[in-house]
Amino acid sequence: MSKIKIGLLSKKRGNFKIQEKFVGKDNVADETYKEVAHHKKALIDAGYEVCIIRYGRSFIKDLEDSKVDLVFNISSMAEAAILEELEIPFAGSDTIGIAIAVNKALTKAIWKSKGLQTAPFHIASSVEDCSIFKDDPPFDYPLFIKPVAGRGSAGINEDSVIVNHEQLIKGVEEILNTIRQPVLIEKFLKGTEITIGLIGNGNDIKILPPLEISFNRAGSFLTFDKKEIDDDTFHCPARLKDEDIYKIKEFAKIAYQAIGSKDYGRIDTVLTSEGPFLVEINSFPGLMCTPKEKPHSYIGFMAVADNMSSSDLIDEIIRSALKRYKMI
């Protein structure tokens, strides 16, 4: 039997592109090549034939010429739409799932409709949309602001926690003028950040051990720079009682299913005194399991804590997609 041929997509990730708009291209280090190299080795070790396909003007021709069985490592709706149109199987959520997940406000609205806890929010498409927070705010300060379709904490910095109306105006204006996206304004959640990785579809879902992020500075939160510096402490599984671990995993599973995600994803939560609150879902989470001491991705860290290697993790995601397409 011939090996399954995987088309490994190489394209600059959206979080790098968004952050370049926010702080300038010279202030962002694009490390896409490291991720592609990691995935290539993992796929080969798992027994697949691998063909790297670079995203660019010849993408469609290269796809058709490659004769791959399945594409892996898509990182935006653009590739997903092209692959769907060409009827080429790929791992990860379809365009509908991506469209929902990318729009944080829509995601939160769906979760809310399902009775799942998420912070109250408001969308600002202009500075004028902030006026509601001046005299009679719909929810109390402090607030938290970020691009409505941001990724990987792009557009989030130390000024993203808002304590008054003047600061809100300044922060919203900055995002509107640089990233050029509407701004999600939500109630700032005080608690422990816990993120959960999931692999699979429907009811056949593997939930990885929840990862707790312990900040080295009191009152801190995840920004793009903090993710890149990577100087916080991770606990995996999270430092919770077994029953609470089970509850938050099931909570994440319901949230994942509600969005219609496929094959893999990551749910970010904040555990407060009132229980867990959903923050967002990531359809394109990092999957690097290296370096082993502290993998450069949250799901990679979870996988290593679950005694999985890079090839184990990537293979499980690929097999999930192959099953969904009834290819195995």
C-alpha atoms as a PDB file:
ATOM      1  CA  MET A   1       0.000   0.000   0.000  1.00  0.00           C
ATOM      2  CA  SER A   2       1.409   3.404  -0.980  1.00  0.00           C
ATOM      3  CA  LYS A   3       1.980   6.097   1.626  1.00  0.00           C
ATOM      4  CA  ILE A   4      -0.617   8.805   2.101  1.00  0.00           C
ATOM      5  CA  LYS A   5       0.749  12.013   0.607  1.00  0.00           C
ATOM      6  CA  ILE A   6       0.339  15.144   2.714  1.00  0.00           C
ATOM      7  CA  GLY A   7       0.620  18.644   1.291  1.00  0.00           C
ATOM      8  CA  LEU A   8       2.283  20.701   4.018  1.00  0.00           C
ATOM      9  CA  LEU A   9       1.315  24.338   3.578  1.00  0.00           C
ATOM     10  CA  SER A  10       3.904  27.023   4.202  1.00  0.00           C
ATOM     11  CA  LYS A  11       2.461  30.499   4.727  1.00  0.00           C
ATOM     12  CA  LYS A  12       3.121  33.367   7.130  1.00  0.00           C
ATOM     13  CA  ARG A  13       0.648  33.041   9.997  1.00  0.00           C
ATOM     14  CA  GLY A  14      -2.089  35.612  10.408  1.00  0.00           C
ATOM     15  CA  ASN A  15      -1.009  36.631  13.916  1.00  0.00           C
ATOM     16  CA  PHE A  16       2.352  37.825  12.545  1.00  0.00           C
ATOM     17  CA  LYS A  17       0.614  39.838   9.800  1.00  0.00           C
ATOM     18  CA  ILE A  18      -1.795  41.481  12.253  1.00  0.00           C
ATOM     19  CA  GLN A  19       0.944  42.343  14.736  1.00  0.00           C
ATOM     20  CA  GLU A  20       3.058  43.881  11.956  1.00  0.00           C
ATOM     21  CA  LYS A  21       0.233  46.349  11.331  1.00  0.00           C
ATOM     22  CA  PHE A  22       0.051  47.129  15.045  1.00  0.00           C
ATOM     23  CA  VAL A  23       3.739  47.682  15.863  1.00  0.00           C
ATOM     24  CA  GLY A  24       5.532  47.755  12.499  1.00  0.00           C
ATOM     25  CA  LYS A  25       7.043  45.009  10.370  1.00  0.00           C
ATOM     26  CA  ASP A  26      10.555  45.479  11.744  1.00  0.00           C
ATOM     27  CA  ASN A  27       9.331  44.684  15.268  1.00  0.00           C
ATOM     28  CA  VAL A  28       7.900  41.233  14.518  1.00  0.00           C
ATOM     29  CA  ALA A  29       9.950  38.087  13.971  1.00  0.00           C
ATOM     30  CA  ASP A  30       8.236  35.645  11.591  1.00  0.00           C
ATOM     31  CA  GLU A  31       9.196  32.084  12.565  1.00  0.00           C
ATOM     32  CA  THR A  32       6.871  30.218  10.223  1.00  0.00           C
ATOM     33  CA  TYR A  33       9.835  28.272   8.821  1.00  0.00           C
ATOM     34  CA  LYS A  34      10.480  26.641  12.222  1.00  0.00           C
ATOM     35  CA  GLU A  35       6.889  25.444  12.428  1.00  0.00           C
ATOM     36  CA  VAL A  36       6.960  24.012   8.895  1.00  0.00           C
ATOM     37  CA  ALA A  37      10.234  22.174   9.614  1.00  0.00           C
ATOM     38  CA  HIS A  38       8.744  20.743  12.827  1.00  0.00           C
ATOM     39  CA  HIS A  39       5.618  19.529  11.049  1.00  0.00           C
ATOM     40  CA  LYS A  40       7.557  18.037   8.131  1.00  0.00           C
ATOM     41  CA  LYS A  41       9.691  15.911  10.459  1.00  0.00           C
ATOM     42  CA  ALA A  42       6.652  14.862  12.495  1.00  0.00           C
ATOM     43  CA  LEU A  43       4.738  13.809   9.376  1.00  0.00           C
ATOM     44  CA  ILE A  44       7.680  11.829   7.983  1.00  0.00           C
ATOM     45  CA  ASP A  45       8.223  10.145  11.360  1.00  0.00           C
ATOM     46  CA  ALA A  46       4.526   9.228  11.383  1.00  0.00           C
ATOM     47  CA  GLY A  47       4.953   7.465   8.030  1.00  0.00           C
ATOM     48  CA  TYR A  48       3.532   9.979   5.562  1.00  0.00           C
ATOM     49  CA  GLU A  49       4.966  11.226   2.285  1.00  0.00           C
ATOM     50  CA  VAL A  50       5.325  15.007   2.500  1.00  0.00           C
ATOM     51  CA  CYS A  51       5.233  17.723  -0.135  1.00  0.00           C
ATOM     52  CA  ILE A  52       5.727  21.333   0.982  1.00  0.00           C
ATOM     53  CA  ILE A  53       3.383  23.731  -0.826  1.00  0.00           C
ATOM     54  CA  ARG A  54       4.108  27.449  -0.509  1.00  0.00           C
ATOM     55  CA  TYR A  55       1.244  29.903  -0.547  1.00  0.00           C
ATOM     56  CA  GLY A  56       1.527  32.435  -3.354  1.00  0.00           C
ATOM     57  CA  ARG A  57       0.404  33.242  -6.885  1.00  0.00           C
ATOM     58  CA  SER A  58       1.026  29.677  -8.088  1.00  0.00           C
ATOM     59  CA  PHE A  59      -0.745  28.070  -5.104  1.00  0.00           C
ATOM     60  CA  ILE A  60      -3.614  26.552  -7.093  1.00  0.00           C
ATOM     61  CA  LYS A  61      -1.341  25.187  -9.827  1.00  0.00           C
ATOM     62  CA  ASP A  62       1.101  23.807  -7.249  1.00  0.00           C
ATOM     63  CA  LEU A  63      -1.774  22.128  -5.429  1.00  0.00           C
ATOM     64  CA  GLU A  64      -3.073  20.472  -8.566  1.00  0.00           C
ATOM     65  CA  ASP A  65       0.414  19.414  -9.679  1.00  0.00           C
ATOM     66  CA  SER A  66       1.300  17.951  -6.270  1.00  0.00           C
ATOM     67  CA  LYS A  67      -1.420  15.259  -6.344  1.00  0.00           C
ATOM     68  CA  VAL A  68      -1.579  15.218  -2.549  1.00  0.00           C
ATOM     69  CA  ASP A  69      -4.195  13.221  -0.673  1.00  0.00           C
ATOM     70  CA  LEU A  70      -4.702  15.786   2.094  1.00  0.00           C
ATOM     71  CA  VAL A  71      -3.445  19.290   2.919  1.00  0.00           C
ATOM     72  CA  PHE A  72      -2.225  20.150   6.416  1.00  0.00           C
ATOM     73  CA  ASN A  73      -1.294  23.387   8.206  1.00  0.00           C
ATOM     74  CA  ILE A  74      -3.794  25.795   6.687  1.00  0.00           C
ATOM     75  CA  SER A  75      -3.701  29.091   8.552  1.00  0.00           C
ATOM     76  CA  SER A  76      -6.549  31.216   7.169  1.00  0.00           C
ATOM     77  CA  MET A  77      -9.964  31.074   5.553  1.00  0.00           C
ATOM     78  CA  ALA A  78      -8.396  31.896   2.168  1.00  0.00           C
ATOM     79  CA  GLU A  79      -6.660  28.526   1.837  1.00  0.00           C
ATOM     80  CA  ALA A  80      -9.680  26.676   3.206  1.00  0.00           C
ATOM     81  CA  ALA A  81     -11.956  28.324   0.625  1.00  0.00           C
ATOM     82  CA  ILE A  82      -9.621  27.435  -2.245  1.00  0.00           C
ATOM     83  CA  LEU A  83      -9.295  23.837  -1.064  1.00  0.00           C
ATOM     84  CA  GLU A  84     -13.056  23.491  -0.682  1.00  0.00           C
ATOM     85  CA  GLU A  85     -13.611  24.888  -4.180  1.00  0.00           C
ATOM     86  CA  LEU A  86     -11.039  22.469  -5.635  1.00  0.00           C
ATOM     87  CA  GLU A  87     -12.508  19.626  -3.519  1.00  0.00           C
ATOM     88  CA  ILE A  88      -9.122  18.819  -2.023  1.00  0.00           C
ATOM     89  CA  PRO A  89      -9.361  17.346   1.507  1.00  0.00           C
ATOM     90  CA  PHE A  90      -7.625  19.257   4.291  1.00  0.00           C
ATOM     91  CA  ALA A  91      -7.159  18.948   8.044  1.00  0.00           C
ATOM     92  CA  GLY A  92      -8.904  21.523  10.179  1.00  0.00           C
ATOM     93  CA  SER A  93     -12.170  23.423  10.280  1.00  0.00           C
ATOM     94  CA  ASP A  94     -14.122  24.263   7.138  1.00  0.00           C
ATOM     95  CA  THR A  95     -14.827  27.835   6.022  1.00  0.00           C
ATOM     96  CA  ILE A  96     -18.011  28.058   8.095  1.00  0.00           C
ATOM     97  CA  GLY A  97     -16.249  26.983  11.289  1.00  0.00           C
ATOM     98  CA  ILE A  98     -13.333  29.307  10.551  1.00  0.00           C
ATOM     99  CA  ALA A  99     -15.621  32.259   9.833  1.00  0.00           C
ATOM    100  CA  ILE A 100     -17.311  31.804  13.200  1.00  0.00           C
ATOM    101  CA  ALA A 101     -14.090  31.237  15.156  1.00  0.00           C
ATOM    102  CA  VAL A 102     -12.264  34.184  13.575  1.00  0.00           C
ATOM    103  CA  ASN A 103     -15.046  36.577  14.598  1.00  0.00           C
ATOM    104  CA  LYS A 104     -14.712  36.661  18.390  1.00  0.00           C
ATOM    105  CA  ALA A 105     -18.012  38.495  18.812  1.00  0.00           C
ATOM    106  CA  LEU A 106     -19.915  35.914  16.767  1.00  0.00           C
ATOM    107  CA  THR A 107     -18.231  33.104  18.697  1.00  0.00           C
ATOM    108  CA  LYS A 108     -19.243  34.655  22.006  1.00  0.00           C
ATOM    109  CA  ALA A 109     -22.808  35.237  20.787  1.00  0.00           C
ATOM    110  CA  ILE A 110     -23.153  31.565  19.842  1.00  0.00           C
ATOM    111  CA  TRP A 111     -21.731  30.423  23.175  1.00  0.00           C
ATOM    112  CA  LYS A 112     -24.089  32.771  24.990  1.00  0.00           C
ATOM    113  CA  SER A 113     -27.055  31.378  23.031  1.00  0.00           C
ATOM    114  CA  LYS A 114     -26.039  27.896  24.219  1.00  0.00           C
ATOM    115  CA  GLY A 115     -25.972  29.019  27.850  1.00  0.00           C
ATOM    116  CA  LEU A 116     -22.179  28.883  28.097  1.00  0.00           C
ATOM    117  CA  GLN A 117     -20.476  31.479  30.301  1.00  0.00           C
ATOM    118  CA  THR A 118     -18.538  34.191  28.467  1.00  0.00           C
ATOM    119  CA  ALA A 119     -17.829  37.801  29.446  1.00  0.00           C
ATOM    120  CA  PRO A 120     -20.331  40.490  28.350  1.00  0.00           C
ATOM    121  CA  PHE A 121     -19.102  42.408  25.304  1.00  0.00           C
ATOM    122  CA  HIS A 122     -19.649  45.316  22.949  1.00  0.00           C
ATOM    123  CA  ILE A 123     -18.303  46.010  19.443  1.00  0.00           C
ATOM    124  CA  ALA A 124     -16.773  49.351  18.485  1.00  0.00           C
ATOM    125  CA  SER A 125     -16.496  50.009  14.754  1.00  0.00           C
ATOM    126  CA  SER A 126     -15.737  53.666  15.452  1.00  0.00           C
ATOM    127  CA  VAL A 127     -14.697  55.804  18.410  1.00  0.00           C
ATOM    128  CA  GLU A 128     -18.316  56.991  18.648  1.00  0.00           C
ATOM    129  CA  ASP A 129     -19.332  53.432  19.564  1.00  0.00           C
ATOM    130  CA  CYS A 130     -17.444  53.902  22.851  1.00  0.00           C
ATOM    131  CA  SER A 131     -19.806  56.622  24.088  1.00  0.00           C
ATOM    132  CA  ILE A 132     -21.973  54.023  25.828  1.00  0.00           C
ATOM    133  CA  PHE A 133     -19.146  53.498  28.314  1.00  0.00           C
ATOM    134  CA  LYS A 134     -18.946  57.149  29.340  1.00  0.00           C
ATOM    135  CA  ASP A 135     -21.970  57.780  31.544  1.00  0.00           C
ATOM    136  CA  ASP A 136     -23.892  54.517  31.834  1.00  0.00           C
ATOM    137  CA  PRO A 137     -21.638  51.554  30.919  1.00  0.00           C
ATOM    138  CA  PRO A 138     -23.438  48.288  30.039  1.00  0.00           C
ATOM    139  CA  PHE A 139     -20.923  46.537  32.312  1.00  0.00           C
ATOM    140  CA  ASP A 140     -18.342  47.767  34.811  1.00  0.00           C
ATOM    141  CA  TYR A 141     -14.716  48.715  34.326  1.00  0.00           C
ATOM    142  CA  PRO A 142     -12.062  47.377  34.038  1.00  0.00           C
ATOM    143  CA  LEU A 143     -12.592  46.433  30.410  1.00  0.00           C
ATOM    144  CA  PHE A 144     -10.436  44.488  27.982  1.00  0.00           C
ATOM    145  CA  ILE A 145     -10.004  45.405  24.318  1.00  0.00           C
ATOM    146  CA  LYS A 146      -8.675  43.501  21.308  1.00  0.00           C
ATOM    147  CA  PRO A 147      -9.230  43.262  17.535  1.00  0.00           C
ATOM    148  CA  VAL A 148     -12.448  41.365  16.849  1.00  0.00           C
ATOM    149  CA  ALA A 149     -10.613  39.077  14.423  1.00  0.00           C
ATOM    150  CA  GLY A 150      -7.176  39.130  16.040  1.00  0.00           C
ATOM    151  CA  ARG A 151      -5.026  36.018  16.368  1.00  0.00           C
ATOM    152  CA  GLY A 152      -2.284  34.839  18.683  1.00  0.00           C
ATOM    153  CA  SER A 153      -2.728  37.865  20.978  1.00  0.00           C
ATOM    154  CA  ALA A 154      -1.857  40.196  18.065  1.00  0.00           C
ATOM    155  CA  GLY A 155      -3.029  43.712  18.866  1.00  0.00           C
ATOM    156  CA  ILE A 156      -2.938  43.060  22.618  1.00  0.00           C
ATOM    157  CA  ASN A 157      -0.445  44.921  24.799  1.00  0.00           C
ATOM    158  CA  GLU A 158      -0.076  46.121  28.394  1.00  0.00           C
ATOM    159  CA  ASP A 159      -2.618  48.895  27.707  1.00  0.00           C
ATOM    160  CA  SER A 160      -5.379  46.478  26.711  1.00  0.00           C
ATOM    161  CA  VAL A 161      -6.877  46.502  30.211  1.00  0.00           C
ATOM    162  CA  ILE A 162      -9.006  49.651  30.321  1.00  0.00           C
ATOM    163  CA  VAL A 163      -9.846  51.496  33.532  1.00  0.00           C
ATOM    164  CA  ASN A 164     -11.573  54.659  32.251  1.00  0.00           C
ATOM    165  CA  HIS A 165     -13.299  56.175  29.230  1.00  0.00           C
ATOM    166  CA  GLU A 166     -10.333  58.286  28.111  1.00  0.00           C
ATOM    167  CA  GLN A 167      -8.092  55.212  27.981  1.00  0.00           C
ATOM    168  CA  LEU A 168     -10.813  53.316  26.111  1.00  0.00           C
ATOM    169  CA  ILE A 169     -10.992  55.986  23.392  1.00  0.00           C
ATOM    170  CA  LYS A 170      -7.222  55.957  22.959  1.00  0.00           C
ATOM    171  CA  GLY A 171      -6.983  52.149  22.804  1.00  0.00           C
ATOM    172  CA  VAL A 172      -9.886  51.691  20.406  1.00  0.00           C
ATOM    173  CA  GLU A 173      -8.561  54.451  18.143  1.00  0.00           C
ATOM    174  CA  GLU A 174      -5.137  52.781  17.990  1.00  0.00           C
ATOM    175  CA  ILE A 175      -6.566  49.413  16.910  1.00  0.00           C
ATOM    176  CA  LEU A 176      -8.932  51.008  14.377  1.00  0.00           C
ATOM    177  CA  ASN A 177      -6.117  53.085  12.827  1.00  0.00           C
ATOM    178  CA  THR A 178      -3.469  50.345  12.677  1.00  0.00           C
ATOM    179  CA  ILE A 179      -5.084  46.926  12.405  1.00  0.00           C
ATOM    180  CA  ARG A 180      -8.244  48.366  10.831  1.00  0.00           C
ATOM    181  CA  GLN A 181     -10.634  45.938  12.487  1.00  0.00           C
ATOM    182  CA  PRO A 182     -13.610  46.583  14.746  1.00  0.00           C
ATOM    183  CA  VAL A 183     -12.690  46.347  18.420  1.00  0.00           C
ATOM    184  CA  LEU A 184     -14.090  43.816  20.865  1.00  0.00           C
ATOM    185  CA  ILE A 185     -14.713  45.488  24.225  1.00  0.00           C
ATOM    186  CA  GLU A 186     -15.438  43.013  26.988  1.00  0.00           C
ATOM    187  CA  LYS A 187     -15.527  42.820  30.750  1.00  0.00           C
ATOM    188  CA  PHE A 188     -12.026  42.078  32.038  1.00  0.00           C
ATOM    189  CA  LEU A 189     -12.001  38.687  33.732  1.00  0.00           C
ATOM    190  CA  LYS A 190      -9.868  38.292  36.821  1.00  0.00           C
ATOM    191  CA  GLY A 191      -8.784  34.727  37.366  1.00  0.00           C
ATOM    192  CA  THR A 192      -6.554  31.911  36.138  1.00  0.00           C
ATOM    193  CA  GLU A 193      -6.002  31.455  32.411  1.00  0.00           C
ATOM    194  CA  ILE A 194      -6.549  27.844  31.379  1.00  0.00           C
ATOM    195  CA  THR A 195      -6.407  26.624  27.793  1.00  0.00           C
ATOM    196  CA  ILE A 196      -7.580  23.267  26.482  1.00  0.00           C
ATOM    197  CA  GLY A 197      -6.599  21.463  23.275  1.00  0.00           C
ATOM    198  CA  LEU A 198      -9.026  19.182  21.465  1.00  0.00           C
ATOM    199  CA  ILE A 199      -8.583  16.677  18.635  1.00  0.00           C
ATOM    200  CA  GLY A 200     -11.428  15.050  16.743  1.00  0.00           C
ATOM    201  CA  ASN A 201     -14.972  15.495  15.523  1.00  0.00           C
ATOM    202  CA  GLY A 202     -18.525  15.080  16.767  1.00  0.00           C
ATOM    203  CA  ASN A 203     -18.508  12.949  19.899  1.00  0.00           C
ATOM    204  CA  ASP A 204     -15.194  11.298  19.021  1.00  0.00           C
ATOM    205  CA  ILE A 205     -13.002  13.942  20.623  1.00  0.00           C
ATOM    206  CA  LYS A 206      -9.752  13.584  22.543  1.00  0.00           C
ATOM    207  CA  ILE A 207      -9.329  16.336  25.145  1.00  0.00           C
ATOM    208  CA  LEU A 208      -5.742  17.083  26.080  1.00  0.00           C
ATOM    209  CA  PRO A 209      -4.736  17.905  29.672  1.00  0.00           C
ATOM    210  CA  PRO A 210      -5.742  21.522  30.474  1.00  0.00           C
ATOM    211  CA  LEU A 211      -2.801  23.899  30.631  1.00  0.00           C
ATOM    212  CA  GLU A 212      -2.665  26.578  33.332  1.00  0.00           C
ATOM    213  CA  ILE A 213      -0.651  29.719  32.659  1.00  0.00           C
ATOM    214  CA  SER A 214       0.956  31.168  35.775  1.00  0.00           C
ATOM    215  CA  PHE A 215       2.168  34.700  35.136  1.00  0.00           C
ATOM    216  CA  ASN A 216       5.460  35.799  36.611  1.00  0.00           C
ATOM    217  CA  ARG A 217       4.028  39.239  37.335  1.00  0.00           C
ATOM    218  CA  ALA A 218       0.917  39.785  39.439  1.00  0.00           C
ATOM    219  CA  GLY A 219      -2.096  40.972  37.521  1.00  0.00           C
ATOM    220  CA  SER A 220      -0.516  40.175  34.160  1.00  0.00           C
ATOM    221  CA  PHE A 221      -2.236  38.705  31.095  1.00  0.00           C
ATOM    222  CA  LEU A 222      -1.257  37.370  27.705  1.00  0.00           C
ATOM    223  CA  THR A 223       0.002  39.871  25.148  1.00  0.00           C
ATOM    224  CA  PHE A 224       1.695  39.179  21.805  1.00  0.00           C
ATOM    225  CA  ASP A 225       5.089  40.106  23.275  1.00  0.00           C
ATOM    226  CA  LYS A 226       4.608  37.889  26.330  1.00  0.00           C
ATOM    227  CA  LYS A 227       3.823  34.921  24.109  1.00  0.00           C
ATOM    228  CA  GLU A 228       6.991  35.549  22.132  1.00  0.00           C
ATOM    229  CA  ILE A 229       9.156  36.095  25.242  1.00  0.00           C
ATOM    230  CA  ASP A 230       7.638  32.939  26.751  1.00  0.00           C
ATOM    231  CA  ASP A 231       8.802  33.587  30.328  1.00  0.00           C
ATOM    232  CA  ASP A 232       5.660  32.485  32.183  1.00  0.00           C
ATOM    233  CA  THR A 233       5.238  29.193  34.021  1.00  0.00           C
ATOM    234  CA  PHE A 234       2.975  26.452  32.684  1.00  0.00           C
ATOM    235  CA  HIS A 235       1.251  23.768  34.741  1.00  0.00           C
ATOM    236  CA  CYS A 236      -0.121  20.805  32.812  1.00  0.00           C
ATOM    237  CA  PRO A 237      -2.418  19.398  33.884  1.00  0.00           C
ATOM    238  CA  ALA A 238      -3.760  22.548  35.543  1.00  0.00           C
ATOM    239  CA  ARG A 239      -3.551  22.670  39.338  1.00  0.00           C
ATOM    240  CA  LEU A 240      -7.183  21.717  39.890  1.00  0.00           C
ATOM    241  CA  LYS A 241      -9.039  18.915  41.624  1.00  0.00           C
ATOM    242  CA  ASP A 242      -9.775  15.903  39.424  1.00  0.00           C
ATOM    243  CA  GLU A 243     -13.491  16.727  39.352  1.00  0.00           C
ATOM    244  CA  ASP A 244     -12.747  20.309  38.268  1.00  0.00           C
ATOM    245  CA  ILE A 245     -10.367  19.060  35.556  1.00  0.00           C
ATOM    246  CA  TYR A 246     -13.188  16.881  34.244  1.00  0.00           C
ATOM    247  CA  LYS A 247     -15.690  19.761  34.346  1.00  0.00           C
ATOM    248  CA  ILE A 248     -13.488  22.231  32.476  1.00  0.00           C
ATOM    249  CA  LYS A 249     -12.619  19.609  29.836  1.00  0.00           C
ATOM    250  CA  GLU A 250     -16.308  18.910  29.243  1.00  0.00           C
ATOM    251  CA  PHE A 251     -16.987  22.659  29.194  1.00  0.00           C
ATOM    252  CA  ALA A 252     -14.343  23.052  26.465  1.00  0.00           C
ATOM    253  CA  LYS A 253     -15.734  20.113  24.508  1.00  0.00           C
ATOM    254  CA  ILE A 254     -19.248  21.610  24.446  1.00  0.00           C
ATOM    255  CA  ALA A 255     -17.798  24.987  23.374  1.00  0.00           C
ATOM    256  CA  TYR A 256     -15.782  23.309  20.577  1.00  0.00           C
ATOM    257  CA  GLN A 257     -18.830  21.415  19.327  1.00  0.00           C
ATOM    258  CA  ALA A 258     -21.020  24.526  19.468  1.00  0.00           C
ATOM    259  CA  ILE A 259     -18.772  26.293  16.935  1.00  0.00           C
ATOM    260  CA  GLY A 260     -18.656  23.266  14.630  1.00  0.00           C
ATOM    261  CA  SER A 261     -14.872  22.982  14.755  1.00  0.00           C
ATOM    262  CA  LYS A 262     -13.220  20.106  12.930  1.00  0.00           C
ATOM    263  CA  ASP A 263     -10.171  17.897  13.582  1.00  0.00           C
ATOM    264  CA  TYR A 264      -8.444  20.111  16.148  1.00  0.00           C
ATOM    265  CA  GLY A 265      -8.605  23.407  17.984  1.00  0.00           C
ATOM    266  CA  ARG A 266      -7.950  25.151  21.268  1.00  0.00           C
ATOM    267  CA  ILE A 267     -10.373  26.704  23.723  1.00  0.00           C
ATOM    268  CA  ASP A 268      -9.114  29.518  25.972  1.00  0.00           C
ATOM    269  CA  THR A 269     -10.830  30.103  29.310  1.00  0.00           C
ATOM    270  CA  VAL A 270     -10.442  32.130  32.485  1.00  0.00           C
ATOM    271  CA  LEU A 271     -11.305  30.374  35.720  1.00  0.00           C
ATOM    272  CA  THR A 272     -12.864  32.977  38.020  1.00  0.00           C
ATOM    273  CA  SER A 273     -14.523  32.814  41.430  1.00  0.00           C
ATOM    274  CA  GLU A 274     -17.799  32.360  39.488  1.00  0.00           C
ATOM    275  CA  GLY A 275     -16.471  29.386  37.524  1.00  0.00           C
ATOM    276  CA  PRO A 276     -14.903  29.099  34.057  1.00  0.00           C
ATOM    277  CA  PHE A 277     -15.613  31.707  31.376  1.00  0.00           C
ATOM    278  CA  LEU A 278     -14.988  31.104  27.682  1.00  0.00           C
ATOM    279  CA  VAL A 279     -12.627  33.626  26.091  1.00  0.00           C
ATOM    280  CA  GLU A 280     -12.128  32.455  22.508  1.00  0.00           C
ATOM    281  CA  ILE A 281     -11.501  29.504  20.223  1.00  0.00           C
ATOM    282  CA  ASN A 282      -8.439  29.080  18.027  1.00  0.00           C
ATOM    283  CA  SER A 283      -8.924  27.141  14.768  1.00  0.00           C
ATOM    284  CA  PHE A 284      -5.228  27.449  13.881  1.00  0.00           C
ATOM    285  CA  PRO A 285      -3.395  26.790  17.157  1.00  0.00           C
ATOM    286  CA  GLY A 286       0.327  26.209  17.186  1.00  0.00           C
ATOM    287  CA  LEU A 287       1.319  22.534  17.334  1.00  0.00           C
ATOM    288  CA  MET A 288       5.074  22.608  17.931  1.00  0.00           C
ATOM    289  CA  CYS A 289       6.175  20.052  20.545  1.00  0.00           C
ATOM    290  CA  THR A 290       9.717  21.383  20.722  1.00  0.00           C
ATOM    291  CA  PRO A 291      11.814  22.135  22.653  1.00  0.00           C
ATOM    292  CA  LYS A 292      10.684  19.241  24.867  1.00  0.00           C
ATOM    293  CA  GLU A 293      11.475  21.133  28.106  1.00  0.00           C
ATOM    294  CA  LYS A 294       8.938  23.812  27.178  1.00  0.00           C
ATOM    295  CA  PRO A 295       7.308  23.353  23.763  1.00  0.00           C
ATOM    296  CA  HIS A 296       6.741  26.524  21.743  1.00  0.00           C
ATOM    297  CA  SER A 297       2.980  26.012  21.567  1.00  0.00           C
ATOM    298  CA  TYR A 298       0.279  25.423  24.143  1.00  0.00           C
ATOM    299  CA  ILE A 299      -1.080  22.302  22.451  1.00  0.00           C
ATOM    300  CA  GLY A 300       2.471  21.023  22.053  1.00  0.00           C
ATOM    301  CA  PHE A 301       2.978  21.468  25.795  1.00  0.00           C
ATOM    302  CA  MET A 302      -0.260  19.593  26.499  1.00  0.00           C
ATOM    303  CA  ALA A 303       0.729  16.792  24.131  1.00  0.00           C
ATOM    304  CA  VAL A 304       4.142  16.330  25.763  1.00  0.00           C
ATOM    305  CA  ALA A 305       2.472  16.298  29.195  1.00  0.00           C
ATOM    306  CA  ASP A 306       0.224  13.534  27.817  1.00  0.00           C
ATOM    307  CA  ASN A 307       3.298  11.523  26.751  1.00  0.00           C
ATOM    308  CA  MET A 308       2.774  12.243  23.061  1.00  0.00           C
ATOM    309  CA  SER A 309       5.581  12.964  20.615  1.00  0.00           C
ATOM    310  CA  SER A 310       5.383  15.455  17.743  1.00  0.00           C
ATOM    311  CA  SER A 311       4.572  12.626  15.342  1.00  0.00           C
ATOM    312  CA  ASP A 312       1.898  11.236  17.695  1.00  0.00           C
ATOM    313  CA  LEU A 313       0.166  14.625  17.880  1.00  0.00           C
ATOM    314  CA  ILE A 314       0.273  15.429  14.168  1.00  0.00           C
ATOM    315  CA  ASP A 315      -0.671  11.861  13.224  1.00  0.00           C
ATOM    316  CA  GLU A 316      -3.750  11.968  15.467  1.00  0.00           C
ATOM    317  CA  ILE A 317      -4.917  15.187  13.795  1.00  0.00           C
ATOM    318  CA  ILE A 318      -4.273  13.795  10.301  1.00  0.00           C
ATOM    319  CA  ARG A 319      -6.113  10.575  11.127  1.00  0.00           C
ATOM    320  CA  SER A 320      -9.051  12.585  12.445  1.00  0.00           C
ATOM    321  CA  ALA A 321      -9.288  14.388   9.103  1.00  0.00           C
ATOM    322  CA  LEU A 322      -8.839  11.174   7.090  1.00  0.00           C
ATOM    323  CA  LYS A 323     -11.673   9.534   9.048  1.00  0.00           C
ATOM    324  CA  ARG A 324     -13.908  12.561   8.485  1.00  0.00           C
ATOM    325  CA  TYR A 325     -13.328  12.292   4.736  1.00  0.00           C
ATOM    326  CA  LYS A 326     -13.805   8.494   4.969  1.00  0.00           C
ATOM    327  CA  MET A 327     -10.314   7.965   3.559  1.00  0.00           C
ATOM    328  CA  ILE A 328      -9.429   5.386   6.212  1.00  0.00           C
END
